[in-house]
Protein backbone atom coordinates (compact mmCIF):
# COMPACT_ATOMS: atom_id res chain seq x y z
CA MET A 1 -13.80 0.16 -9.74
CA LEU A 2 -15.30 -2.92 -11.16
CA HIS A 3 -14.68 -6.11 -11.14
CA GLY A 4 -13.19 -8.36 -8.60
CA GLU A 5 -16.75 -8.26 -7.32
CA THR A 6 -17.12 -12.00 -7.63
CA SER A 7 -13.96 -12.47 -5.59
CA SER A 8 -13.41 -12.60 -1.84
CA PHE A 9 -12.64 -8.87 -1.83
CA GLU A 10 -16.31 -8.06 -2.37
CA ALA A 11 -18.01 -10.70 -0.24
CA ALA A 12 -18.78 -10.31 3.40
CA ASN A 13 -21.39 -10.51 6.11
CA ILE A 14 -21.57 -6.83 7.03
CA PRO A 15 -24.23 -4.83 8.84
CA ASN A 16 -26.76 -3.72 6.28
CA ARG A 17 -30.44 -3.74 5.46
CA SER A 18 -30.21 -7.09 3.69
CA ASN A 19 -29.35 -8.76 6.98
CA GLN A 20 -32.87 -8.07 8.18
CA SER A 21 -35.34 -10.86 7.49
CA SER A 22 -38.21 -8.37 7.32
CA ASP A 23 -38.84 -4.65 7.35
CA HIS A 24 -39.26 -4.70 11.12
CA GLY A 25 -36.32 -3.60 13.21
CA LEU A 26 -34.46 -1.80 10.45
CA ASN A 27 -33.76 1.04 12.84
CA ASP A 28 -32.28 -1.44 15.34
CA GLN A 29 -29.63 -2.79 12.98
CA PRO A 30 -25.92 -2.16 13.63
CA THR A 31 -24.69 1.09 12.13
CA LEU A 32 -21.85 1.13 9.62
CA GLN A 33 -19.41 3.81 10.72
CA GLY A 34 -16.54 5.18 8.70
CA MET A 35 -15.17 8.45 7.55
CA ARG A 36 -18.00 10.72 6.45
CA LEU A 37 -17.26 13.76 4.38
CA PHE A 38 -20.51 15.08 5.85
CA PRO A 39 -21.09 13.53 9.30
CA SER A 40 -24.39 15.37 9.61
CA LEU A 41 -25.81 13.02 6.94
CA ALA A 42 -24.88 9.84 8.82
CA ASP A 43 -28.40 9.65 10.28
CA MET A 44 -30.09 10.44 6.97
CA PRO A 45 -29.93 7.21 4.94
CA ILE A 46 -31.72 7.10 1.62
CA ALA A 47 -35.27 5.83 2.08
CA LEU A 48 -36.22 2.38 0.82
CA PHE A 49 -39.21 2.20 -1.49
CA ALA A 50 -42.47 1.78 0.39
CA ALA A 51 -43.59 -1.78 1.04
CA THR A 52 -46.65 -3.07 -0.78
CA GLU A 53 -49.16 -5.73 0.17
CA ASN A 54 -47.07 -8.35 -1.60
CA GLU A 55 -43.53 -6.99 -1.25
CA SER A 56 -41.37 -5.86 1.64
CA ALA A 57 -39.58 -2.52 1.37
CA ILE A 58 -36.34 -4.31 0.54
CA ASP A 59 -37.92 -6.43 -2.18
CA ARG A 60 -39.80 -3.45 -3.58
CA THR A 61 -36.58 -1.42 -3.72
CA LYS A 62 -34.73 -4.21 -5.47
CA ALA A 63 -37.54 -4.64 -7.96
CA ALA A 64 -37.42 -0.93 -8.80
CA LEU A 65 -33.65 -1.04 -9.23
CA LEU A 66 -33.87 -4.09 -11.49
CA ASP A 67 -36.46 -2.28 -13.58
CA ILE A 68 -34.26 0.82 -13.92
CA THR A 69 -30.75 -0.63 -14.20
CA ALA A 70 -31.78 -3.15 -16.86
CA GLU A 71 -32.32 -0.14 -19.15
CA MET A 72 -28.95 1.50 -18.44
CA VAL A 73 -27.52 0.14 -21.68
CA GLY A 74 -25.53 2.21 -24.13
CA PRO A 75 -24.80 1.25 -27.74
CA ILE A 76 -21.60 -0.40 -28.95
CA ASP A 77 -18.55 1.87 -28.91
CA GLY A 78 -17.63 3.63 -32.11
CA LEU A 79 -21.06 3.81 -33.72
CA GLU A 80 -20.93 7.52 -33.04
CA ASP A 81 -17.94 9.55 -31.89
CA ARG A 82 -20.31 11.52 -29.66
CA ASP A 83 -20.55 8.45 -27.39
CA LEU A 84 -16.89 8.91 -26.45
CA SER A 85 -15.30 11.52 -24.20
CA PRO A 86 -12.11 13.57 -24.60
CA THR A 87 -10.45 11.40 -21.93
CA PRO A 88 -8.17 8.58 -23.16
CA ALA A 89 -9.28 5.07 -22.19
CA GLY A 90 -6.21 4.44 -20.05
CA PHE A 91 -7.48 6.83 -17.39
CA THR A 92 -10.36 4.46 -16.62
CA TYR A 93 -7.87 1.91 -15.35
CA PHE A 94 -5.35 4.36 -13.93
CA GLY A 95 -8.23 5.61 -11.78
CA GLN A 96 -8.95 2.05 -10.69
CA PHE A 97 -5.32 1.66 -9.63
CA VAL A 98 -5.41 4.97 -7.73
CA PHE A 99 -8.62 4.03 -5.92
CA HIS A 100 -7.13 0.68 -4.92
CA ASP A 101 -4.15 2.59 -3.52
CA ILE A 102 -6.29 4.40 -0.94
CA VAL A 103 -9.17 2.00 -0.30
CA PHE A 104 -8.84 -1.63 0.72
CA SER A 105 -11.79 -2.24 3.00
CA GLN A 106 -11.42 -4.67 5.89
CA ILE A 107 -15.16 -5.22 6.17
CA PHE A 108 -14.99 -7.99 3.61
CA GLY A 109 -14.98 -11.42 5.17
CA LEU A 110 -15.48 -10.21 8.73
CA PRO A 111 -18.15 -11.79 10.96
CA GLN A 112 -21.34 -9.93 11.75
CA PRO A 113 -20.55 -7.51 14.61
CA ALA A 114 -22.43 -7.99 17.84
CA GLY A 115 -22.68 -4.34 18.84
CA LYS A 116 -24.62 -1.37 17.53
CA ILE A 117 -21.62 0.27 15.85
CA HIS A 118 -19.35 -1.38 13.29
CA HIS A 119 -16.32 0.73 12.39
CA LEU A 120 -15.17 0.39 8.82
CA LYS A 121 -11.41 0.02 8.65
CA ASN A 122 -8.95 0.29 5.79
CA ALA A 123 -6.13 -2.14 5.04
CA SER A 124 -4.47 0.38 2.71
CA SER A 125 -2.00 2.97 3.94
CA GLN A 126 -4.35 5.62 2.46
CA GLY A 127 -1.47 7.91 1.55
CA LEU A 128 -1.31 7.47 -2.26
CA ASP A 129 2.20 6.10 -1.79
CA LEU A 130 2.08 3.37 -4.45
CA SER A 131 1.37 0.74 -1.80
CA GLY A 132 -0.20 -1.37 -4.55
CA LEU A 133 3.26 -1.57 -6.10
CA TYR A 134 5.66 -1.44 -3.15
CA GLY A 135 3.61 -3.12 -0.44
CA ARG A 136 5.33 -2.56 2.89
CA GLY A 137 8.78 -2.49 1.31
CA PRO A 138 11.51 -5.12 0.88
CA THR A 139 12.11 -5.54 4.60
CA VAL A 140 8.57 -6.68 5.45
CA ASP A 141 7.34 -7.90 2.06
CA ALA A 142 10.60 -9.45 0.94
CA HIS A 143 8.75 -12.07 -1.11
CA LEU A 144 7.72 -9.36 -3.58
CA TYR A 145 11.29 -8.35 -4.38
CA ASP A 146 14.33 -9.49 -6.33
CA TYR A 147 18.07 -8.76 -6.17
CA PRO A 148 20.23 -6.76 -8.57
CA ASP A 149 22.72 -8.49 -10.80
CA GLY A 150 25.99 -9.24 -9.03
CA ALA A 151 27.04 -10.48 -5.65
CA ASP A 152 24.90 -8.14 -3.51
CA PHE A 153 21.71 -9.83 -2.29
CA THR A 154 19.91 -6.67 -1.14
CA ALA A 155 16.30 -6.82 -2.30
CA CYS A 156 15.65 -3.73 -4.41
CA ARG A 157 13.95 -4.77 -7.67
CA PHE A 158 10.79 -6.60 -8.71
CA PRO A 159 10.74 -9.99 -10.42
CA ILE A 160 8.99 -9.66 -13.77
CA GLY A 161 6.93 -12.39 -15.40
CA LEU A 162 6.98 -13.42 -19.03
CA PRO A 163 3.93 -13.66 -21.25
CA CYS A 164 3.29 -17.02 -22.86
CA MET A 165 3.47 -17.88 -26.53
CA LYS A 166 0.25 -17.68 -28.48
CA ASP A 167 -2.05 -20.68 -27.92
CA THR A 168 0.42 -22.33 -25.50
CA MET A 169 1.37 -22.02 -21.87
CA LEU A 170 5.10 -21.93 -22.67
CA PRO A 171 6.98 -18.75 -21.78
CA VAL A 172 8.27 -16.57 -24.57
CA ASP A 173 11.96 -15.99 -25.13
CA ARG A 174 13.02 -13.05 -22.98
CA ARG A 175 15.50 -11.96 -25.66
CA VAL A 176 12.90 -11.47 -28.39
CA ALA A 177 9.70 -10.52 -26.53
CA PRO A 178 9.42 -6.88 -25.45
CA GLY A 179 6.21 -7.53 -23.51
CA ARG A 180 6.08 -8.58 -19.90
CA ASP A 181 3.53 -9.97 -17.43
CA LEU A 182 3.14 -9.84 -13.68
CA PRO A 183 5.25 -12.33 -11.77
CA ARG A 184 3.02 -15.31 -11.05
CA ILE A 185 3.35 -18.35 -8.82
CA ASP A 186 1.73 -21.77 -9.01
CA MET A 187 -0.70 -22.34 -6.14
CA SER A 188 -1.49 -25.97 -6.98
CA GLY A 189 1.09 -27.39 -4.61
CA GLY A 190 3.52 -28.46 -7.31
CA PHE A 191 6.61 -27.00 -8.87
CA ILE A 192 6.59 -24.91 -12.02
CA ASN A 193 8.52 -25.96 -15.06
CA ALA A 194 8.48 -24.64 -18.60
CA GLU A 195 7.16 -27.84 -20.17
CA SER A 196 4.24 -28.40 -17.85
CA ARG A 197 2.89 -25.28 -16.24
CA ARG A 198 0.25 -25.85 -13.62
CA ALA A 199 -2.72 -23.87 -12.35
CA PRO A 200 -4.13 -21.92 -10.63
CA TYR A 201 -1.69 -19.03 -10.76
CA ARG A 202 -1.62 -16.14 -8.37
CA PRO A 203 0.15 -12.83 -8.93
CA LEU A 204 3.17 -12.11 -6.74
CA VAL A 205 2.05 -8.55 -6.04
CA ALA A 206 1.21 -6.36 -3.06
CA ASP A 207 -2.48 -5.93 -3.96
CA PRO A 208 -4.04 -8.84 -5.91
CA ARG A 209 -6.98 -6.62 -6.93
CA ASN A 210 -4.60 -5.07 -9.45
CA ASP A 211 -4.73 -8.31 -11.40
CA ASP A 212 -8.43 -7.72 -12.05
CA ASN A 213 -8.23 -7.18 -15.82
CA LEU A 214 -5.74 -6.97 -18.67
CA VAL A 215 -5.16 -3.21 -18.68
CA LEU A 216 -4.83 -2.93 -14.90
CA SER A 217 -2.36 -5.80 -14.56
CA GLN A 218 -0.31 -4.47 -17.47
CA LEU A 219 -0.25 -1.04 -15.79
CA LEU A 220 1.13 -2.57 -12.59
CA CYS A 221 3.66 -4.58 -14.58
CA THR A 222 4.80 -1.42 -16.39
CA LEU A 223 5.32 0.38 -13.06
CA MET A 224 7.40 -2.57 -11.87
CA CYS A 225 9.54 -2.35 -15.00
CA ILE A 226 9.99 1.42 -14.59
CA HIS A 227 11.14 0.97 -10.99
CA ASN A 228 13.62 -1.71 -12.07
CA ARG A 229 14.96 0.49 -14.85
CA ILE A 230 15.55 3.37 -12.44
CA VAL A 231 17.30 1.11 -9.92
CA ASP A 232 19.55 -0.34 -12.62
CA LEU A 233 20.43 3.12 -13.95
CA LEU A 234 21.25 4.42 -10.49
CA LEU A 235 23.42 1.40 -9.71
CA GLY A 236 25.23 1.91 -13.00
CA SER A 237 25.79 5.63 -12.54
CA GLY A 238 27.41 6.11 -9.17
CA THR A 239 24.98 4.72 -6.58
CA SER A 240 26.74 1.69 -5.12
CA ASP A 241 24.24 0.73 -2.40
CA PRO A 242 21.18 -1.21 -3.75
CA ALA A 243 19.11 -0.09 -0.76
CA GLU A 244 19.85 3.55 -1.60
CA ALA A 245 19.01 2.93 -5.26
CA TYR A 246 15.68 1.42 -4.17
CA ARG A 247 14.95 4.40 -1.91
CA ARG A 248 15.69 7.00 -4.58
CA ALA A 249 13.75 5.09 -7.24
CA ARG A 250 10.74 4.82 -4.97
CA ILE A 251 10.81 8.50 -4.01
CA TYR A 252 11.04 9.61 -7.62
CA LEU A 253 8.41 7.21 -9.01
CA THR A 254 5.98 7.98 -6.18
CA SER A 255 6.39 11.72 -6.72
CA VAL A 256 5.75 11.36 -10.46
CA TYR A 257 2.70 9.19 -9.73
CA ARG A 258 1.24 11.75 -7.32
CA THR A 259 1.87 14.60 -9.74
CA VAL A 260 0.18 12.68 -12.58
CA ILE A 261 -2.86 12.07 -10.37
CA ILE A 262 -3.36 15.78 -9.72
CA ASN A 263 -2.00 17.35 -12.88
CA ASP A 264 -3.43 14.94 -15.46
CA TYR A 265 -6.02 12.50 -14.09
CA LEU A 266 -7.95 14.89 -11.85
CA ARG A 267 -7.76 17.73 -14.35
CA LYS A 268 -9.62 15.48 -16.78
CA ILE A 269 -12.09 14.00 -14.29
CA LEU A 270 -13.07 16.91 -12.03
CA ALA A 271 -15.08 20.01 -12.81
CA PRO A 272 -12.52 22.83 -13.30
CA GLU A 273 -13.84 24.95 -10.44
CA ILE A 274 -13.62 22.01 -8.02
CA TRP A 275 -10.08 21.18 -9.16
CA ASP A 276 -9.16 24.79 -8.43
CA HIS A 277 -10.83 24.59 -5.00
CA PHE A 278 -8.61 21.71 -3.89
CA PHE A 279 -5.43 21.95 -5.98
CA ALA A 280 -4.91 25.44 -7.46
CA SER A 281 -1.63 26.52 -5.84
CA ASP A 282 2.09 26.15 -6.43
CA ASP A 283 2.23 23.08 -4.18
CA PHE A 284 -1.16 21.73 -5.31
CA GLN A 285 -2.72 22.49 -1.91
CA GLY A 286 -5.67 24.72 -2.72
CA LYS A 287 -7.82 26.56 -0.19
CA GLY A 288 -10.19 23.60 0.12
CA VAL A 289 -7.50 21.34 1.60
CA SER A 290 -7.30 23.20 4.91
CA ALA A 291 -10.96 22.48 5.67
CA LEU A 292 -10.58 18.71 5.28
CA GLU A 293 -10.42 16.43 8.28
CA THR A 294 -7.55 14.00 8.79
CA PHE A 295 -8.03 10.99 6.54
CA ASN A 296 -8.31 8.36 9.27
CA ALA A 297 -10.98 6.03 7.89
CA LEU A 298 -12.85 5.26 4.70
CA PRO A 299 -14.94 8.01 3.09
CA LEU A 300 -18.15 6.04 2.60
CA GLU A 301 -19.61 8.54 0.14
CA PHE A 302 -16.58 7.89 -2.06
CA THR A 303 -16.12 4.14 -1.60
CA PHE A 304 -19.69 3.08 -2.29
CA GLY A 305 -20.92 6.15 -4.15
CA ALA A 306 -18.69 8.51 -6.10
CA SER A 307 -15.96 6.05 -7.09
CA ARG A 308 -18.48 4.04 -9.08
CA PHE A 309 -18.55 6.74 -11.76
CA ALA A 310 -15.63 4.94 -13.42
CA HIS A 311 -17.97 2.14 -14.49
CA ALA A 312 -19.58 4.60 -16.89
CA MET A 313 -16.21 5.18 -18.58
CA VAL A 314 -15.65 1.51 -19.41
CA ARG A 315 -15.79 0.67 -23.10
CA GLN A 316 -17.43 -2.43 -24.52
CA PHE A 317 -14.53 -3.02 -26.94
CA TYR A 318 -10.81 -2.25 -26.84
CA VAL A 319 -8.00 -2.30 -29.37
CA VAL A 320 -5.20 -3.65 -27.21
CA ASN A 321 -2.34 -3.41 -29.70
CA ASP A 322 -1.70 -3.29 -33.44
CA SER A 323 -2.55 -6.97 -33.87
CA SER A 324 -6.09 -6.48 -32.54
CA VAL A 325 -7.09 -3.52 -34.72
CA GLY A 326 -9.30 -5.69 -36.92
CA THR A 327 -10.86 -7.63 -34.06
CA PRO A 328 -11.14 -5.49 -30.91
CA ALA A 329 -11.57 -7.39 -27.65
CA ASN A 330 -14.87 -7.13 -25.81
CA LEU A 331 -14.93 -6.30 -22.13
CA ARG A 332 -15.57 -9.89 -21.07
CA LYS A 333 -12.40 -10.94 -22.87
CA MET A 334 -10.43 -8.17 -21.15
CA LEU A 335 -11.68 -9.39 -17.77
CA SER A 336 -10.65 -12.97 -18.56
CA PHE A 337 -6.94 -12.11 -18.26
CA SER A 338 -7.03 -12.30 -14.48
CA SER A 339 -6.15 -14.75 -11.75
CA LEU A 340 -9.21 -13.58 -9.80
CA ARG A 341 -11.58 -15.51 -12.06
CA PRO A 342 -11.83 -19.27 -12.60
CA GLY A 343 -10.09 -20.27 -15.79
CA GLY A 344 -8.34 -16.94 -16.18
CA GLU A 345 -6.12 -16.72 -19.27
CA ILE A 346 -2.79 -16.32 -17.56
CA PRO A 347 0.09 -15.91 -18.06
CA ILE A 348 -0.98 -13.26 -20.56
CA PRO A 349 -0.35 -14.40 -24.15
CA GLU A 350 2.30 -12.37 -25.95
CA ASN A 351 -0.20 -11.15 -28.55
CA TRP A 352 -2.28 -9.53 -25.76
CA VAL A 353 0.46 -7.36 -24.25
CA VAL A 354 -0.89 -3.79 -24.01
CA ASP A 355 0.44 -1.10 -26.34
CA TRP A 356 0.12 2.04 -24.21
CA SER A 357 -0.12 4.31 -27.24
CA ARG A 358 -3.61 2.83 -27.62
CA PHE A 359 -4.61 3.97 -24.12
CA ALA A 360 -2.70 7.16 -23.28
CA SER A 361 -0.77 9.56 -25.45
CA ALA A 362 0.17 13.22 -25.41
CA ASP A 363 0.35 13.24 -29.22
CA PRO A 364 -2.66 15.05 -30.77
CA GLU A 365 -2.47 12.64 -33.71
CA SER A 366 -2.29 9.62 -31.45
CA LYS A 367 -4.17 6.38 -31.90
CA ALA A 368 -5.27 6.34 -28.27
CA GLN A 369 -8.88 5.25 -27.74
CA SER A 370 -11.25 7.37 -25.71
CA ALA A 371 -13.16 6.40 -22.61
CA ARG A 372 -16.93 6.63 -22.72
CA ARG A 373 -18.77 9.71 -21.53
CA ILE A 374 -19.89 9.59 -17.91
CA SER A 375 -23.63 8.98 -18.02
CA PRO A 376 -26.22 6.38 -16.95
CA PHE A 377 -25.67 4.50 -20.23
CA LEU A 378 -23.11 1.76 -19.52
CA SER A 379 -21.53 -1.01 -21.52
CA LYS A 380 -23.80 -4.03 -21.71
CA GLU A 381 -21.37 -6.14 -19.67
CA LEU A 382 -21.91 -3.82 -16.71
CA SER A 383 -25.62 -3.18 -17.14
CA ILE A 384 -26.82 -6.67 -18.09
CA ALA A 385 -24.20 -9.37 -17.47
CA GLY A 386 -24.00 -11.01 -14.03
CA LEU A 387 -20.52 -9.84 -13.02
CA SER A 388 -21.38 -9.07 -9.41
CA ALA A 389 -23.37 -10.68 -6.61
CA GLU A 390 -25.30 -9.92 -3.46
CA LEU A 391 -23.99 -11.22 -0.17
CA ASN A 392 -26.38 -14.18 -0.37
CA GLY A 393 -24.83 -15.21 -3.68
CA THR A 394 -27.55 -13.88 -5.98
CA VAL A 395 -25.79 -12.92 -9.22
CA ARG A 396 -26.47 -9.36 -10.29
CA PRO A 397 -25.22 -6.86 -12.89
CA VAL A 398 -22.70 -4.28 -11.69
CA ALA A 399 -25.15 -1.42 -12.43
CA PHE A 400 -27.69 -2.93 -10.04
CA MET A 401 -25.15 -3.51 -7.27
CA ASP A 402 -23.77 0.02 -7.52
CA CYS A 403 -27.26 1.36 -6.78
CA TRP A 404 -28.32 -1.29 -4.28
CA ARG A 405 -25.26 -0.82 -2.07
CA CYS A 406 -26.29 2.81 -1.55
CA TYR A 407 -29.59 1.62 -0.06
CA ASP A 408 -28.15 -1.43 1.64
CA LEU A 409 -25.40 0.48 3.46
CA GLY A 410 -27.55 3.50 4.28
CA LEU A 411 -25.75 6.20 2.29
CA PRO A 412 -27.54 9.52 1.95
CA SER A 413 -29.44 10.24 -1.24
CA GLY A 414 -27.70 12.12 -4.01
CA GLN A 415 -29.99 15.09 -3.37
CA ASP A 416 -29.11 15.25 0.34
CA LEU A 417 -25.40 15.04 -0.43
CA ALA A 418 -25.74 17.71 -3.10
CA GLY A 419 -27.32 20.01 -0.53
CA ALA A 420 -24.37 19.44 1.80
CA VAL A 421 -21.83 20.12 -0.95
CA LYS A 422 -23.75 23.26 -1.91
CA ALA A 423 -23.51 24.53 1.65
CA ALA A 424 -19.81 23.65 1.89
CA LEU A 425 -19.00 25.69 -1.22
CA VAL A 426 -21.33 28.63 -0.62
CA ASP A 427 -18.48 30.97 0.34
CA ASP A 428 -16.59 30.08 -2.85
CA ALA A 429 -19.43 31.12 -5.14
CA ILE A 430 -19.42 27.69 -6.81
CA ASP A 431 -22.86 26.78 -8.08
CA VAL A 432 -24.10 23.35 -7.01
CA PRO A 433 -27.60 22.71 -8.39
CA VAL A 434 -29.56 19.98 -6.62
CA LEU A 435 -31.00 17.75 -9.34
CA ALA A 436 -34.37 16.05 -8.96
CA GLY A 437 -37.48 15.22 -10.95
CA ASP A 438 -37.06 15.78 -14.68
CA ASP A 439 -33.37 16.63 -14.17
CA MET A 440 -32.82 12.96 -13.36
CA LEU A 441 -34.24 11.80 -16.69
CA PRO A 442 -31.95 11.21 -19.71
CA THR A 443 -30.66 14.50 -21.10
CA ALA A 444 -31.49 15.75 -24.58
CA ALA A 445 -27.95 14.90 -25.70
CA CYS A 446 -28.29 11.34 -24.38
CA ALA A 447 -31.72 11.00 -25.99
CA GLU A 448 -30.18 12.03 -29.32
CA ARG A 449 -27.29 9.58 -28.98
CA TYR A 450 -29.23 6.66 -27.55
CA VAL A 451 -32.68 7.12 -29.07
CA TYR A 452 -34.16 3.71 -28.26
CA ASN A 453 -32.20 3.13 -25.05
CA ALA A 454 -32.96 6.58 -23.64
CA GLY A 455 -36.67 6.12 -24.22
CA ARG A 456 -36.71 2.85 -22.32
CA LEU A 457 -34.67 4.27 -19.42
CA ARG A 458 -36.94 7.33 -19.23
CA ALA A 459 -40.00 5.08 -19.03
CA ALA A 460 -38.43 2.96 -16.28
CA LEU A 461 -37.53 6.03 -14.24
CA GLN A 462 -41.03 7.43 -14.59
CA ARG A 463 -42.49 4.13 -13.39
CA ASN A 464 -40.47 4.63 -10.19
CA PRO A 465 -40.85 8.34 -9.33
CA GLN A 466 -39.30 8.00 -5.85
CA PHE A 467 -36.00 7.30 -7.60
CA LEU A 468 -36.14 10.77 -9.17
CA ALA A 469 -36.52 12.53 -5.81
CA GLN A 470 -34.38 10.25 -3.61
CA THR A 471 -31.69 8.98 -5.94
CA PRO A 472 -28.92 6.54 -4.91
CA LEU A 473 -25.63 8.40 -4.81
CA SER A 474 -23.85 6.27 -7.41
CA TYR A 475 -26.59 6.99 -9.99
CA TYR A 476 -26.93 10.64 -9.03
CA ILE A 477 -23.26 11.27 -9.73
CA ILE A 478 -23.23 9.78 -13.23
CA GLN A 479 -26.48 11.61 -14.08
CA GLU A 480 -25.03 14.83 -12.69
CA ALA A 481 -22.00 14.38 -14.96
CA SER A 482 -24.36 14.01 -17.90
CA VAL A 483 -26.26 17.18 -16.96
CA LEU A 484 -23.56 19.44 -15.50
CA GLY A 485 -20.26 17.84 -16.57
CA GLY A 486 -20.00 18.94 -20.19
CA ASP A 487 -22.24 16.13 -21.42
CA GLY A 488 -20.30 13.55 -19.44
CA SER A 489 -16.82 14.83 -20.31
CA HIS A 490 -16.11 15.10 -16.58
CA LEU A 491 -17.89 14.87 -13.24
CA GLY A 492 -20.37 17.45 -12.03
CA PRO A 493 -19.82 19.49 -8.83
CA VAL A 494 -21.03 16.86 -6.33
CA GLY A 495 -19.09 13.97 -7.84
CA SER A 496 -16.05 16.23 -8.26
CA TYR A 497 -16.21 17.38 -4.65
CA VAL A 498 -16.37 13.85 -3.22
CA VAL A 499 -13.55 12.54 -5.43
CA GLY A 500 -11.44 15.68 -5.02
CA ALA A 501 -11.83 15.77 -1.24
CA THR A 502 -10.99 12.07 -0.93
CA ILE A 503 -7.81 12.28 -2.99
CA ALA A 504 -6.75 15.59 -1.44
CA SER A 505 -7.16 13.98 1.99
CA ALA A 506 -5.11 10.98 0.90
CA LEU A 507 -2.34 13.21 -0.44
CA PHE A 508 -2.14 15.83 2.29
CA LYS A 509 -3.99 14.58 5.38
CA ALA A 510 -3.27 10.84 5.66
CA PRO A 511 -1.68 10.10 9.05
CA ASP A 512 -0.32 6.63 8.31
CA THR A 513 1.33 6.71 4.90
CA ASN A 514 4.00 4.05 4.45
CA PHE A 515 6.14 6.55 2.60
CA SER A 516 6.40 9.78 4.52
CA SER A 517 9.57 10.84 2.67
CA GLY A 518 7.90 10.50 -0.72
CA ARG A 519 6.74 14.08 -0.86
CA LEU A 520 4.89 15.47 -3.83
CA ILE A 521 6.97 17.98 -5.76
CA ALA A 522 4.96 20.24 -8.03
CA ASP A 523 7.68 20.59 -10.64
CA VAL A 524 8.55 16.90 -10.91
CA LYS A 525 8.65 15.48 -14.44
CA PRO A 526 6.88 13.88 -16.21
CA LYS A 527 3.45 15.30 -15.37
CA THR A 528 1.15 13.19 -17.56
CA LEU A 529 0.08 9.55 -17.64
CA ALA A 530 1.56 9.19 -21.12
CA GLY A 531 4.84 10.60 -19.83
CA LEU A 532 4.84 8.23 -16.86
CA LEU A 533 4.30 5.19 -19.08
CA ASP A 534 6.99 6.41 -21.50
CA LEU A 535 9.56 5.96 -18.72
CA ASN A 536 9.50 2.27 -19.64
CA ASP A 537 10.52 3.02 -23.24
CA THR A 538 14.20 3.81 -23.84
CA ALA A 539 13.40 5.11 -27.33
CA LYS A 540 11.13 7.80 -25.86
CA VAL A 541 13.12 8.49 -22.69
CA PRO A 542 16.83 7.66 -23.17
CA ASP A 543 18.83 6.55 -20.15
CA GLU A 544 20.72 9.81 -19.80
CA VAL A 545 17.47 11.82 -19.91
CA LEU A 546 15.87 9.71 -17.19
CA VAL A 547 18.95 9.92 -14.95
CA GLY A 548 18.95 13.67 -15.44
CA MET A 549 15.27 13.96 -14.43
CA ILE A 550 15.89 11.91 -11.29
CA ASN A 551 19.00 13.82 -10.25
CA SER A 552 17.42 17.21 -10.94
CA GLN A 553 14.81 16.64 -8.24
CA GLY A 554 17.32 16.58 -5.40
CA PHE A 555 15.72 13.65 -3.56
CA GLU A 556 17.87 13.29 -0.48
């Protein structure tokens, strides 16, 4: 997803077109190799714009992208309900967490390879096993864990941080504050004390990318609290061994998490016919799963192409809890609650603790906010603000970098990938139109919603006609959602195929999951994101109900 793009996780000297000082020798550059959903397209990178007398191909391509992406601006949320999708806003960040769980690229920070081929490796287990929460478990990553109450010192729980009092850095009273924060440690070389907290803080978590923004860090914190609650309940109801309580809690929570991904998140994000292709069966393994290769490397079309669709779902403003109804927080404020950025506002103040009923709810009368429709019209923070950067340090908007990486890393064009998806699904009678030309211009619905903005984007696209015929994959997928995804309610067939194939591979084909016993059980409860988050609320899920759900699954 977004963000973290100014951190060390998104900075590296990797083999790409930008490493060439001129247009000469582009074909002699090292090749970036990783998992390809369509290996036949590996030698068909999207073409750079033609060089001019005054500009190289690289500079001409960047100029065209700056011209186009500067106009990818949508209006402020809430001016019209039509700007918002049926998907609750929490799924934007749940998706970010899921993507972090399967993709942690090791290209970042590596030296320039000397050979012709540079294999892209993954530091994640790839198995959708909640590695962002559990790490490598309490034996290897003991520093992430805490002990239960009592004399047994078996690591089985997570330490939980406290938010700070409003306008101070003092911790709140644990007895009166229901909110929690990630556990954080002081990296300044000194000791922490309540009267004089020091900075900078770092989260004591398995994947620091999950401290990227307020909603994401609060999601991770909530999962920590749910795990702890399950462990405590098991230890208090007949399970005497803390290690066994940890094992059962992890199996159950991982199974719920996997079920929520398929049954709730992907049902909302994917085109229905593509969801059926990969997941329509009693065990969620549809006919499309058998054709997938073993998930043994990064799917480049997903990592640098399809996954970027989530940027289009990001709102400009969020109501975090009841206290912020009158003054919703803008996206820049939401990003400030992170240890990944200088001067991050952490620990999180108590009045900024997330109320999940504002982000995910199964109640039809809920107060949950909606995510934005998937389209080329993004929040201004992502289309205009300099939240990302090129490898040489040039600050760029996220919208620009999403497109430029497709050229820079030699991904196929959206049209070429669409042709490959069309061929892959031909026997299933699933229609996959290949969009080009006028189909890549703002739709009539977008033009009606964003009258001024759509006119400017249309003009920019028409000034750069090559973009309409050879479109960077990240842009193609959000435009396809706008055209073929119910006006941006979900992804179109190409975006759905890439995301669905990637997650199906992670669930059913990953060879190196850290949690082989954490099988996915189709009838596990709860099945929704709202239900998962409710496991942290004793008023919604009483202790005896939660123990019953765990025991009914027969995790042995």
